[in-house]
Amino acid sequence: MLKAGDVVMSKRKFSNLKNLVSYMISVSDLGRGKASKIIEEVAKKKEHYIVIKNNKPQAVIIPIEQYDELMEAQENLELLQLAIERTKNLKEEDHIPFEEILKEDGLTREELKKYIDMVEIE
């Protein structure tokens, strides 16, 4: 998962032009055999690279773990935005108290707590 320190580290790494340029690689250089070295640095040292084509940034090479974290964060943000949008038009009379739902299912809060400990939610 992304931590605040990761973001600070990335900003510091690219804080000046010299550092930024050292993490840029051209598509041509990747094609000339540097791809393997770059991918190794990304995987082992958790480096980031900006891929340049025709003097314009075109892509970023990042560790797969960070990519997974970014995709998960994006999905969570989209779900949160959807939840916020859905709750905008809710009326008080549309709400069902949690205790009523438990009662309908024949559960108590204590029983629910036991089930929560048994279930792993990702």
Protein backbone atom coordinates (compact mmCIF):
# COMPACT_ATOMS: atom_id res chain seq x y z
CA MET A 1 0.00 0.00 0.00
CA LEU A 2 1.22 3.53 -0.73
CA LYS A 3 2.47 5.36 2.29
CA ALA A 4 2.98 9.08 2.77
CA GLY A 5 6.74 8.54 2.82
CA ASP A 6 6.63 6.93 -0.64
CA VAL A 7 5.01 10.00 -2.11
CA VAL A 8 7.47 12.32 -0.36
CA MET A 9 10.38 10.21 -1.57
CA SER A 10 9.15 10.37 -5.18
CA LYS A 11 8.67 14.13 -5.00
CA ARG A 12 12.14 14.57 -3.51
CA LYS A 13 13.65 12.33 -6.19
CA PHE A 14 12.20 14.54 -8.93
CA SER A 15 12.59 17.83 -7.06
CA ASN A 16 15.22 19.20 -9.40
CA LEU A 17 15.79 18.91 -13.11
CA LYS A 18 19.04 16.92 -12.77
CA ASN A 19 17.30 14.20 -10.74
CA LEU A 20 14.33 14.16 -13.10
CA VAL A 21 16.54 13.77 -16.17
CA SER A 22 18.44 10.88 -14.58
CA TYR A 23 15.16 8.94 -14.37
CA MET A 24 14.20 9.53 -18.00
CA ILE A 25 14.91 6.95 -20.67
CA SER A 26 14.20 7.15 -24.35
CA VAL A 27 12.32 4.51 -26.27
CA SER A 28 15.46 4.16 -28.42
CA ASP A 29 17.63 3.39 -25.38
CA LEU A 30 15.14 0.78 -24.23
CA GLY A 31 15.38 -0.82 -27.67
CA ARG A 32 19.20 -0.80 -27.54
CA GLY A 33 19.36 -3.29 -24.72
CA LYS A 34 18.86 -1.04 -21.69
CA ALA A 35 15.36 -2.35 -21.00
CA SER A 36 16.61 -5.31 -18.99
CA LYS A 37 18.78 -3.11 -16.76
CA ILE A 38 15.98 -0.59 -16.23
CA ILE A 39 13.44 -3.27 -15.39
CA GLU A 40 15.89 -4.83 -12.92
CA GLU A 41 16.37 -1.45 -11.18
CA VAL A 42 12.62 -0.93 -11.05
CA ALA A 43 12.03 -4.38 -9.58
CA LYS A 44 14.92 -4.48 -7.09
CA LYS A 45 15.47 -0.84 -6.14
CA LYS A 46 11.86 0.30 -6.57
CA GLU A 47 13.00 3.03 -8.98
CA HIS A 48 10.65 4.89 -11.34
CA TYR A 49 11.45 5.79 -14.93
CA ILE A 50 9.78 8.12 -17.40
CA VAL A 51 9.86 6.82 -20.96
CA ILE A 52 10.46 9.55 -23.54
CA LYS A 53 9.51 9.37 -27.23
CA ASN A 54 10.12 12.30 -29.57
CA ASN A 55 11.18 14.41 -26.56
CA LYS A 56 7.80 13.92 -24.85
CA PRO A 57 6.98 11.78 -21.81
CA GLN A 58 4.90 8.83 -23.00
CA ALA A 59 4.89 6.29 -20.18
CA VAL A 60 6.14 5.51 -16.70
CA ILE A 61 7.84 2.32 -15.56
CA ILE A 62 7.07 1.59 -11.91
CA PRO A 63 7.33 -1.49 -9.67
CA ILE A 64 4.42 -3.89 -10.08
CA GLU A 65 3.54 -3.59 -6.39
CA GLN A 66 3.11 0.16 -6.75
CA TYR A 67 1.02 -0.33 -9.88
CA ASP A 68 -1.26 -2.74 -7.99
CA GLU A 69 -1.58 -0.21 -5.15
CA LEU A 70 -2.42 2.60 -7.57
CA MET A 71 -5.07 0.48 -9.30
CA GLU A 72 -6.59 -0.48 -5.94
CA ALA A 73 -6.60 3.17 -4.83
CA GLN A 74 -8.26 4.18 -8.09
CA GLU A 75 -10.92 1.48 -7.68
CA ASN A 76 -11.54 2.56 -4.07
CA LEU A 77 -11.89 6.18 -5.15
CA GLU A 78 -14.36 5.23 -7.88
CA LEU A 79 -16.40 3.18 -5.38
CA LEU A 80 -16.35 6.05 -2.90
CA GLN A 81 -17.52 8.49 -5.57
CA LEU A 82 -20.30 6.09 -6.54
CA ALA A 83 -21.38 5.72 -2.90
CA ILE A 84 -21.41 9.50 -2.43
CA GLU A 85 -23.46 9.96 -5.59
CA ARG A 86 -25.97 7.30 -4.51
CA THR A 87 -26.43 8.84 -1.07
CA LYS A 88 -27.13 12.34 -2.40
CA ASN A 89 -30.79 11.55 -3.10
CA LEU A 90 -31.46 9.36 -0.08
CA LYS A 91 -34.42 10.30 2.06
CA GLU A 92 -34.67 9.60 5.78
CA GLU A 93 -37.73 7.38 5.22
CA ASP A 94 -35.66 5.16 2.88
CA HIS A 95 -33.24 4.26 5.69
CA ILE A 96 -33.57 0.99 7.57
CA PRO A 97 -32.02 0.96 11.05
CA PHE A 98 -29.17 -1.53 11.43
CA GLU A 99 -30.83 -3.12 14.46
CA GLU A 100 -33.91 -3.85 12.34
CA ILE A 101 -31.80 -5.63 9.72
CA LEU A 102 -30.14 -7.73 12.43
CA LYS A 103 -33.56 -8.58 13.86
CA GLU A 104 -34.88 -9.67 10.44
CA ASP A 105 -31.90 -12.00 10.06
CA GLY A 106 -32.21 -13.28 13.64
CA LEU A 107 -28.80 -11.98 14.68
CA THR A 108 -27.49 -10.05 17.62
CA ARG A 109 -24.52 -7.66 17.56
CA GLU A 110 -22.51 -10.18 19.59
CA GLU A 111 -23.17 -12.97 17.07
CA LEU A 112 -22.25 -10.63 14.23
CA LYS A 113 -18.94 -9.79 15.95
CA LYS A 114 -18.12 -13.51 16.10
CA TYR A 115 -18.79 -13.88 12.38
CA ILE A 116 -16.70 -10.82 11.58
CA ASP A 117 -13.69 -12.40 13.28
CA MET A 118 -14.18 -15.55 11.19
CA VAL A 119 -14.39 -13.78 7.82
CA GLU A 120 -11.48 -12.13 6.05
CA ILE A 121 -12.53 -9.25 3.85
CA GLU A 122 -10.21 -7.78 1.25
